[in-house]
C-alpha atoms as a PDB file:
ATOM      1  CA  UNK A   1      11.513  -8.782 -23.183  1.00  0.00           C
ATOM      2  CA  UNK A   2      12.634 -11.839 -21.189  1.00  0.00           C
ATOM      3  CA  UNK A   3      14.934  -9.655 -19.085  1.00  0.00           C
ATOM      4  CA  UNK A   4      12.069  -7.288 -18.300  1.00  0.00           C
ATOM      5  CA  UNK A   5       9.778 -10.164 -17.286  1.00  0.00           C
ATOM      6  CA  UNK A   6      12.504 -11.451 -14.965  1.00  0.00           C
ATOM      7  CA  UNK A   7      12.853  -7.992 -13.396  1.00  0.00           C
ATOM      8  CA  UNK A   8       9.094  -7.776 -12.923  1.00  0.00           C
ATOM      9  CA  UNK A   9       8.973 -11.179 -11.210  1.00  0.00           C
ATOM     10  CA  UNK A  10      11.818 -10.244  -8.858  1.00  0.00           C
ATOM     11  CA  UNK A  11      10.163  -6.890  -8.142  1.00  0.00           C
ATOM     12  CA  UNK A  12       6.880  -8.614  -7.358  1.00  0.00           C
ATOM     13  CA  UNK A  13       8.666 -11.063  -5.064  1.00  0.00           C
ATOM     14  CA  UNK A  14      10.298  -8.182  -3.214  1.00  0.00           C
ATOM     15  CA  UNK A  15       7.050  -6.324  -2.719  1.00  0.00           C
ATOM     16  CA  UNK A  16       5.371  -9.527  -1.547  1.00  0.00           C
ATOM     17  CA  UNK A  17       8.130 -10.164   0.984  1.00  0.00           C
ATOM     18  CA  UNK A  18       7.688  -6.674   2.406  1.00  0.00           C
ATOM     19  CA  UNK A  19       3.906  -6.972   2.347  1.00  0.00           C
ATOM     20  CA  UNK A  20       4.024 -10.177   4.359  1.00  0.00           C
ATOM     21  CA  UNK A  21       6.420  -9.033   7.044  1.00  0.00           C
ATOM     22  CA  UNK A  22       5.565  -5.330   7.324  1.00  0.00           C
ATOM     23  CA  UNK A  23       1.834  -5.375   6.673  1.00  0.00           C
ATOM     24  CA  UNK A  24       1.887  -3.085   3.639  1.00  0.00           C
ATOM     25  CA  UNK A  25       0.298  -3.548   0.244  1.00  0.00           C
ATOM     26  CA  UNK A  26       3.560  -3.172  -1.679  1.00  0.00           C
ATOM     27  CA  UNK A  27       2.718  -0.083  -3.734  1.00  0.00           C
ATOM     28  CA  UNK A  28       5.442   1.963  -2.053  1.00  0.00           C
ATOM     29  CA  UNK A  29       7.894  -0.417  -3.704  1.00  0.00           C
ATOM     30  CA  UNK A  30       6.137  -1.196  -6.979  1.00  0.00           C
ATOM     31  CA  UNK A  31       5.462   2.371  -8.136  1.00  0.00           C
ATOM     32  CA  UNK A  32       9.123   3.535  -8.009  1.00  0.00           C
ATOM     33  CA  UNK A  33      10.292   0.254  -9.541  1.00  0.00           C
ATOM     34  CA  UNK A  34       7.891   0.687 -12.462  1.00  0.00           C
ATOM     35  CA  UNK A  35       9.258   4.194 -12.930  1.00  0.00           C
ATOM     36  CA  UNK A  36      12.756   2.723 -13.143  1.00  0.00           C
ATOM     37  CA  UNK A  37      11.466   0.514 -15.976  1.00  0.00           C
ATOM     38  CA  UNK A  38      10.461   3.701 -17.858  1.00  0.00           C
ATOM     39  CA  UNK A  39       6.707   3.463 -17.406  1.00  0.00           C
ATOM     40  CA  UNK A  40       4.850   6.736 -16.921  1.00  0.00           C
ATOM     41  CA  UNK A  41       3.828   7.757 -13.390  1.00  0.00           C
ATOM     42  CA  UNK A  42       0.151   7.191 -14.200  1.00  0.00           C
ATOM     43  CA  UNK A  43       0.865   3.731 -15.639  1.00  0.00           C
ATOM     44  CA  UNK A  44       2.960   2.887 -12.580  1.00  0.00           C
ATOM     45  CA  UNK A  45       0.183   3.916 -10.187  1.00  0.00           C
ATOM     46  CA  UNK A  46      -2.538   2.093 -12.121  1.00  0.00           C
ATOM     47  CA  UNK A  47      -0.575  -1.130 -12.710  1.00  0.00           C
ATOM     48  CA  UNK A  48       0.527  -1.240  -9.075  1.00  0.00           C
ATOM     49  CA  UNK A  49      -3.143  -1.299  -8.090  1.00  0.00           C
ATOM     50  CA  UNK A  50      -3.707  -4.456 -10.152  1.00  0.00           C
ATOM     51  CA  UNK A  51      -0.703  -6.205  -8.595  1.00  0.00           C
ATOM     52  CA  UNK A  52      -1.903  -5.308  -5.093  1.00  0.00           C
ATOM     53  CA  UNK A  53      -5.325  -6.851  -5.821  1.00  0.00           C
ATOM     54  CA  UNK A  54      -3.636 -10.219  -6.339  1.00  0.00           C
ATOM     55  CA  UNK A  55      -1.238 -10.019  -3.391  1.00  0.00           C
ATOM     56  CA  UNK A  56      -3.729  -8.684  -0.834  1.00  0.00           C
ATOM     57  CA  UNK A  57      -6.438 -11.150  -1.889  1.00  0.00           C
ATOM     58  CA  UNK A  58      -4.091 -14.056  -1.265  1.00  0.00           C
ATOM     59  CA  UNK A  59      -3.183 -12.801   2.203  1.00  0.00           C
ATOM     60  CA  UNK A  60      -6.782 -12.080   3.157  1.00  0.00           C
ATOM     61  CA  UNK A  61      -7.956 -15.523   2.055  1.00  0.00           C
ATOM     62  CA  UNK A  62      -5.264 -17.036   4.269  1.00  0.00           C
ATOM     63  CA  UNK A  63      -6.365 -14.877   7.222  1.00  0.00           C
ATOM     64  CA  UNK A  64      -9.988 -15.904   6.620  1.00  0.00           C
ATOM     65  CA  UNK A  65      -9.089 -19.585   6.619  1.00  0.00           C
ATOM     66  CA  UNK A  66      -7.303 -19.123   9.941  1.00  0.00           C
ATOM     67  CA  UNK A  67     -10.277 -17.252  11.428  1.00  0.00           C
ATOM     68  CA  UNK A  68      -8.464 -13.930  11.759  1.00  0.00           C
ATOM     69  CA  UNK A  69     -10.616 -11.765   9.463  1.00  0.00           C
ATOM     70  CA  UNK A  70     -13.428  -9.596  10.866  1.00  0.00           C
ATOM     71  CA  UNK A  71     -15.707  -9.068   7.857  1.00  0.00           C
ATOM     72  CA  UNK A  72     -17.886  -6.501   9.651  1.00  0.00           C
ATOM     73  CA  UNK A  73     -14.922  -4.287  10.476  1.00  0.00           C
ATOM     74  CA  UNK A  74     -13.513  -4.734   6.971  1.00  0.00           C
ATOM     75  CA  UNK A  75     -16.783  -3.551   5.419  1.00  0.00           C
ATOM     76  CA  UNK A  76     -17.056  -0.561   7.770  1.00  0.00           C
ATOM     77  CA  UNK A  77     -13.623   0.550   6.587  1.00  0.00           C
ATOM     78  CA  UNK A  78     -14.010  -0.610   2.998  1.00  0.00           C
ATOM     79  CA  UNK A  79     -17.293   1.082   2.038  1.00  0.00           C
ATOM     80  CA  UNK A  80     -15.992   4.673   2.348  1.00  0.00           C
ATOM     81  CA  UNK A  81     -12.705   3.532   0.824  1.00  0.00           C
ATOM     82  CA  UNK A  82     -14.491   2.471  -2.373  1.00  0.00           C
ATOM     83  CA  UNK A  83     -15.774   6.009  -2.901  1.00  0.00           C
ATOM     84  CA  UNK A  84     -12.605   7.854  -1.954  1.00  0.00           C
ATOM     85  CA  UNK A  85     -10.475   5.528  -4.113  1.00  0.00           C
ATOM     86  CA  UNK A  86     -12.377   6.774  -7.147  1.00  0.00           C
ATOM     87  CA  UNK A  87     -11.764  10.349  -6.012  1.00  0.00           C
ATOM     88  CA  UNK A  88      -8.047   9.543  -5.832  1.00  0.00           C
ATOM     89  CA  UNK A  89      -8.149   8.145  -9.377  1.00  0.00           C
ATOM     90  CA  UNK A  90      -9.809  11.326 -10.657  1.00  0.00           C
ATOM     91  CA  UNK A  91      -7.215  13.530  -8.964  1.00  0.00           C
ATOM     92  CA  UNK A  92      -4.365  11.358 -10.323  1.00  0.00           C
ATOM     93  CA  UNK A  93      -5.644  11.849 -13.877  1.00  0.00           C
ATOM     94  CA  UNK A  94      -5.807  15.637 -13.661  1.00  0.00           C
ATOM     95  CA  UNK A  95      -2.730  16.745 -11.735  1.00  0.00           C
ATOM     96  CA  UNK A  96       0.658  17.112 -13.483  1.00  0.00           C
ATOM     97  CA  UNK A  97       2.850  14.015 -13.394  1.00  0.00           C
ATOM     98  CA  UNK A  98       5.707  15.834 -11.672  1.00  0.00           C
ATOM     99  CA  UNK A  99       3.292  16.911  -8.925  1.00  0.00           C
ATOM    100  CA  UNK A 100       2.049  13.317  -8.551  1.00  0.00           C
ATOM    101  CA  UNK A 101       5.612  12.060  -8.197  1.00  0.00           C
ATOM    102  CA  UNK A 102       6.534  14.817  -5.742  1.00  0.00           C
ATOM    103  CA  UNK A 103       3.557  14.017  -3.542  1.00  0.00           C
ATOM    104  CA  UNK A 104       4.427  10.315  -3.676  1.00  0.00           C
ATOM    105  CA  UNK A 105       7.997  11.114  -2.644  1.00  0.00           C
ATOM    106  CA  UNK A 106       6.736  13.012   0.399  1.00  0.00           C
ATOM    107  CA  UNK A 107       4.501  10.052   1.252  1.00  0.00           C
ATOM    108  CA  UNK A 108       7.537   7.749   1.194  1.00  0.00           C
ATOM    109  CA  UNK A 109       9.396  10.048   3.583  1.00  0.00           C
ATOM    110  CA  UNK A 110       6.321  10.312   5.810  1.00  0.00           C
ATOM    111  CA  UNK A 111       6.097   6.527   5.918  1.00  0.00           C
ATOM    112  CA  UNK A 112       9.501   6.384   7.622  1.00  0.00           C
ATOM    113  CA  UNK A 113       8.143   8.428  10.517  1.00  0.00           C
ATOM    114  CA  UNK A 114       4.733   6.751  10.385  1.00  0.00           C
ATOM    115  CA  UNK A 115       6.241   3.269  10.616  1.00  0.00           C
ATOM    116  CA  UNK A 116       8.216   4.314  13.657  1.00  0.00           C
ATOM    117  CA  UNK A 117       5.083   5.802  15.250  1.00  0.00           C
ATOM    118  CA  UNK A 118       3.197   2.594  14.524  1.00  0.00           C
ATOM    119  CA  UNK A 119       5.820   0.593  16.400  1.00  0.00           C
ATOM    120  CA  UNK A 120       5.551   2.917  19.392  1.00  0.00           C
ATOM    121  CA  UNK A 121       1.761   2.594  19.372  1.00  0.00           C
ATOM    122  CA  UNK A 122       1.883  -1.131  20.164  1.00  0.00           C
ATOM    123  CA  UNK A 123       1.831  -0.244  23.867  1.00  0.00           C
ATOM    124  CA  UNK A 124      -0.038   3.024  23.618  1.00  0.00           C
ATOM    125  CA  UNK A 125      -2.935   1.410  21.745  1.00  0.00           C
ATOM    126  CA  UNK A 126      -3.983  -0.344  24.930  1.00  0.00           C
ATOM    127  CA  UNK A 127      -4.381   2.950  26.804  1.00  0.00           C
ATOM    128  CA  UNK A 128      -7.502   5.100  26.833  1.00  0.00           C
ATOM    129  CA  UNK A 129      -7.508   8.156  24.606  1.00  0.00           C
ATOM    130  CA  UNK A 130      -8.582  11.532  25.869  1.00  0.00           C
ATOM    131  CA  UNK A 131     -11.286  12.068  23.248  1.00  0.00           C
ATOM    132  CA  UNK A 132     -13.059   8.893  22.191  1.00  0.00           C
ATOM    133  CA  UNK A 133     -14.510   9.004  18.685  1.00  0.00           C
ATOM    134  CA  UNK A 134     -17.404   6.808  17.742  1.00  0.00           C
ATOM    135  CA  UNK A 135     -16.369   3.595  16.034  1.00  0.00           C
ATOM    136  CA  UNK A 136     -18.359   4.314  12.892  1.00  0.00           C
ATOM    137  CA  UNK A 137     -16.911   7.796  12.490  1.00  0.00           C
ATOM    138  CA  UNK A 138     -13.412   6.462  13.063  1.00  0.00           C
ATOM    139  CA  UNK A 139     -13.981   3.727  10.474  1.00  0.00           C
ATOM    140  CA  UNK A 140     -15.274   6.238   7.925  1.00  0.00           C
ATOM    141  CA  UNK A 141     -12.270   8.486   8.411  1.00  0.00           C
ATOM    142  CA  UNK A 142      -9.695   5.677   8.386  1.00  0.00           C
ATOM    143  CA  UNK A 143     -11.167   3.887   5.376  1.00  0.00           C
ATOM    144  CA  UNK A 144     -11.679   7.143   3.507  1.00  0.00           C
ATOM    145  CA  UNK A 145      -8.040   8.206   3.870  1.00  0.00           C
ATOM    146  CA  UNK A 146      -6.783   4.756   2.891  1.00  0.00           C
ATOM    147  CA  UNK A 147      -9.030   4.628  -0.170  1.00  0.00           C
ATOM    148  CA  UNK A 148      -8.023   8.068  -1.419  1.00  0.00           C
ATOM    149  CA  UNK A 149      -4.326   7.204  -1.179  1.00  0.00           C
ATOM    150  CA  UNK A 150      -4.965   3.900  -2.969  1.00  0.00           C
ATOM    151  CA  UNK A 151      -6.511   5.669  -5.945  1.00  0.00           C
ATOM    152  CA  UNK A 152      -4.049   8.549  -6.013  1.00  0.00           C
ATOM    153  CA  UNK A 153      -0.758   6.699  -5.585  1.00  0.00           C
ATOM    154  CA  UNK A 154      -1.532   3.073  -6.478  1.00  0.00           C
ATOM    155  CA  UNK A 155      -0.811   1.844  -2.949  1.00  0.00           C
ATOM    156  CA  UNK A 156      -2.989  -0.351  -0.775  1.00  0.00           C
ATOM    157  CA  UNK A 157      -3.321   2.292   1.928  1.00  0.00           C
ATOM    158  CA  UNK A 158      -2.188   0.032   4.756  1.00  0.00           C
ATOM    159  CA  UNK A 159       0.657   2.327   5.782  1.00  0.00           C
ATOM    160  CA  UNK A 160      -1.970   4.873   6.790  1.00  0.00           C
ATOM    161  CA  UNK A 161      -4.827   2.623   7.901  1.00  0.00           C
ATOM    162  CA  UNK A 162      -2.847   0.467  10.336  1.00  0.00           C
ATOM    163  CA  UNK A 163      -1.707   3.294  12.654  1.00  0.00           C
ATOM    164  CA  UNK A 164      -5.109   5.006  12.401  1.00  0.00           C
ATOM    165  CA  UNK A 165      -6.847   1.765  13.398  1.00  0.00           C
ATOM    166  CA  UNK A 166      -4.558   1.507  16.408  1.00  0.00           C
ATOM    167  CA  UNK A 167      -5.168   5.125  17.382  1.00  0.00           C
ATOM    168  CA  UNK A 168      -8.878   5.497  16.692  1.00  0.00           C
ATOM    169  CA  UNK A 169     -10.229   1.950  16.937  1.00  0.00           C
ATOM    170  CA  UNK A 170      -7.938   0.723  19.755  1.00  0.00           C
ATOM    171  CA  UNK A 171      -6.885  -2.342  17.750  1.00  0.00           C
ATOM    172  CA  UNK A 172      -3.669  -4.217  18.424  1.00  0.00           C
ATOM    173  CA  UNK A 173      -1.099  -4.084  15.647  1.00  0.00           C
ATOM    174  CA  UNK A 174      -1.759  -7.704  14.639  1.00  0.00           C
ATOM    175  CA  UNK A 175      -5.511  -7.190  14.306  1.00  0.00           C
ATOM    176  CA  UNK A 176      -4.973  -3.850  12.556  1.00  0.00           C
ATOM    177  CA  UNK A 177      -2.715  -5.436   9.925  1.00  0.00           C
ATOM    178  CA  UNK A 178      -5.151  -8.290   9.299  1.00  0.00           C
ATOM    179  CA  UNK A 179      -8.118  -5.930   8.988  1.00  0.00           C
ATOM    180  CA  UNK A 180      -6.151  -3.494   6.853  1.00  0.00           C
ATOM    181  CA  UNK A 181      -5.174  -6.235   4.409  1.00  0.00           C
ATOM    182  CA  UNK A 182      -8.854  -7.089   3.940  1.00  0.00           C
ATOM    183  CA  UNK A 183      -9.679  -3.439   3.258  1.00  0.00           C
ATOM    184  CA  UNK A 184      -6.749  -3.226   0.831  1.00  0.00           C
ATOM    185  CA  UNK A 185      -8.481  -5.855  -1.312  1.00  0.00           C
ATOM    186  CA  UNK A 186     -11.490  -3.530  -1.616  1.00  0.00           C
ATOM    187  CA  UNK A 187      -9.525  -0.309  -2.155  1.00  0.00           C
ATOM    188  CA  UNK A 188      -7.159  -1.837  -4.704  1.00  0.00           C
ATOM    189  CA  UNK A 189     -10.053  -3.338  -6.707  1.00  0.00           C
ATOM    190  CA  UNK A 190     -11.851   0.006  -6.710  1.00  0.00           C
ATOM    191  CA  UNK A 191      -8.676   1.836  -7.673  1.00  0.00           C
ATOM    192  CA  UNK A 192      -7.820  -0.697 -10.386  1.00  0.00           C
ATOM    193  CA  UNK A 193     -11.310  -0.485 -11.926  1.00  0.00           C
ATOM    194  CA  UNK A 194     -11.141   3.309 -11.977  1.00  0.00           C
ATOM    195  CA  UNK A 195      -7.751   3.309 -13.693  1.00  0.00           C
ATOM    196  CA  UNK A 196      -8.838   0.544 -16.097  1.00  0.00           C
ATOM    197  CA  UNK A 197     -11.751   2.704 -17.256  1.00  0.00           C
ATOM    198  CA  UNK A 198      -9.172   5.367 -18.084  1.00  0.00           C
ATOM    199  CA  UNK A 199      -6.968   2.829 -19.943  1.00  0.00           C
ATOM    200  CA  UNK A 200      -4.055   3.317 -17.548  1.00  0.00           C
ATOM    201  CA  UNK A 201      -3.536  -0.323 -16.472  1.00  0.00           C
ATOM    202  CA  UNK A 202      -0.827  -2.482 -18.071  1.00  0.00           C
ATOM    203  CA  UNK A 203      -2.515  -5.834 -17.547  1.00  0.00           C
ATOM    204  CA  UNK A 204       0.303  -8.258 -18.311  1.00  0.00           C
ATOM    205  CA  UNK A 205       2.797  -6.279 -16.226  1.00  0.00           C
ATOM    206  CA  UNK A 206       0.353  -6.067 -13.314  1.00  0.00           C
ATOM    207  CA  UNK A 207      -0.407  -9.799 -13.364  1.00  0.00           C
ATOM    208  CA  UNK A 208       3.302 -10.711 -13.425  1.00  0.00           C
ATOM    209  CA  UNK A 209       3.993  -8.379 -10.500  1.00  0.00           C
ATOM    210  CA  UNK A 210       0.970  -9.692  -8.618  1.00  0.00           C
ATOM    211  CA  UNK A 211       1.922 -13.345  -9.029  1.00  0.00           C
ATOM    212  CA  UNK A 212       5.450 -12.553  -7.885  1.00  0.00           C
ATOM    213  CA  UNK A 213       4.037 -10.715  -4.887  1.00  0.00           C
ATOM    214  CA  UNK A 214       1.786 -13.648  -4.056  1.00  0.00           C
ATOM    215  CA  UNK A 215       4.801 -15.982  -3.910  1.00  0.00           C
ATOM    216  CA  UNK A 216       6.832 -13.443  -1.946  1.00  0.00           C
ATOM    217  CA  UNK A 217       4.099 -13.023   0.662  1.00  0.00           C
ATOM    218  CA  UNK A 218       3.955 -16.779   1.210  1.00  0.00           C
ATOM    219  CA  UNK A 219       7.739 -16.942   1.663  1.00  0.00           C
ATOM    220  CA  UNK A 220       7.808 -14.063   4.146  1.00  0.00           C
ATOM    221  CA  UNK A 221       5.037 -15.637   6.187  1.00  0.00           C
ATOM    222  CA  UNK A 222       7.215 -18.699   6.738  1.00  0.00           C
ATOM    223  CA  UNK A 223      10.785 -17.422   7.001  1.00  0.00           C
ATOM    224  CA  UNK A 224      11.253 -13.656   7.343  1.00  0.00           C
ATOM    225  CA  UNK A 225       9.536 -13.237  10.748  1.00  0.00           C
ATOM    226  CA  UNK A 226      12.557 -15.021  12.219  1.00  0.00           C
ATOM    227  CA  UNK A 227      14.737 -12.017  11.410  1.00  0.00           C
ATOM    228  CA  UNK A 228      15.400  -9.511  14.220  1.00  0.00           C
ATOM    229  CA  UNK A 229      12.893  -6.636  14.199  1.00  0.00           C
ATOM    230  CA  UNK A 230      15.682  -4.047  14.247  1.00  0.00           C
ATOM    231  CA  UNK A 231      17.206  -5.458  11.053  1.00  0.00           C
ATOM    232  CA  UNK A 232      13.864  -5.463   9.260  1.00  0.00           C
ATOM    233  CA  UNK A 233      13.030  -1.909  10.338  1.00  0.00           C
ATOM    234  CA  UNK A 234      16.456  -0.612   9.322  1.00  0.00           C
ATOM    235  CA  UNK A 235      16.217  -2.196   5.862  1.00  0.00           C
ATOM    236  CA  UNK A 236      12.698  -0.817   5.440  1.00  0.00           C
ATOM    237  CA  UNK A 237      13.722   2.723   6.373  1.00  0.00           C
ATOM    238  CA  UNK A 238      16.766   2.649   4.075  1.00  0.00           C
ATOM    239  CA  UNK A 239      14.640   1.364   1.212  1.00  0.00           C
ATOM    240  CA  UNK A 240      12.031   4.093   1.677  1.00  0.00           C
ATOM    241  CA  UNK A 241      14.734   6.765   1.851  1.00  0.00           C
ATOM    242  CA  UNK A 242      16.378   5.555  -1.369  1.00  0.00           C
ATOM    243  CA  UNK A 243      13.053   5.298  -3.195  1.00  0.00           C
ATOM    244  CA  UNK A 244      12.020   8.776  -2.068  1.00  0.00           C
ATOM    245  CA  UNK A 245      15.282  10.298  -3.364  1.00  0.00           C
ATOM    246  CA  UNK A 246      14.801   8.579  -6.718  1.00  0.00           C
ATOM    247  CA  UNK A 247      11.157   9.678  -6.906  1.00  0.00           C
ATOM    248  CA  UNK A 248      12.056  13.307  -6.164  1.00  0.00           C
ATOM    249  CA  UNK A 249      14.762  13.144  -8.853  1.00  0.00           C
ATOM    250  CA  UNK A 250      12.309  11.811 -11.448  1.00  0.00           C
ATOM    251  CA  UNK A 251       9.799  14.512 -10.475  1.00  0.00           C
ATOM    252  CA  UNK A 252      12.472  17.185 -10.887  1.00  0.00           C
ATOM    253  CA  UNK A 253      13.403  15.894 -14.354  1.00  0.00           C
ATOM    254  CA  UNK A 254       9.760  15.966 -15.423  1.00  0.00           C
ATOM    255  CA  UNK A 255       9.368  19.500 -14.058  1.00  0.00           C
ATOM    256  CA  UNK A 256      12.453  20.842 -15.850  1.00  0.00           C
ATOM    257  CA  UNK A 257      11.561  19.248 -19.191  1.00  0.00           C
ATOM    258  CA  UNK A 258       7.999  20.616 -19.226  1.00  0.00           C
END
């Protein structure tokens, strides 16, 4: 039991470090790690949501204190996310576990390409787009996608919302990350409540992961930004690739045993 608690703390620290430096909620790390610890896919998704509530709330409070949080934009994105997060929870409860894992594996692979696109959009986001969508419609679409993924996979949704904010809302990457983290608080709470009503959340495990993530996010805010961007990106891509391979393997084992 003590060994497992130690692993959970270290896992939470790792997800918090990545959340702080890469602007993600940490679910892409926590879900596969919980699978390694022999929790079911549904438990992993649900418990990850609880941990993300703690980590994202801490980061958003810090952004608010520094005057970097736009509450109006957060609510425009967060309101549709609340509804779609519940839709994601419903879908997660009714699709086969091997299908849930397979879809999550594809999301991990997609994140490798999406993260690279996001980096390229730092310059492009300042240019005018050919077809300009209304801000409200763009917010509804961006928040809705992020919320659905939060409920379905137990992630914050930032890996999707940040590039969409840059593309559709013309935000810089820094503003997009700060806004996204605020929305993640809303989506993760909605997702966590939905899973809790279905008795999927492992509360003690989620709290331990969340507290570890909170500490990790504070550390990354102070020290990790000093690392070269190329090193951070390379480590992130390798991690996602390894996690996706493991997730596909677990999905295959579930498929062959059913």
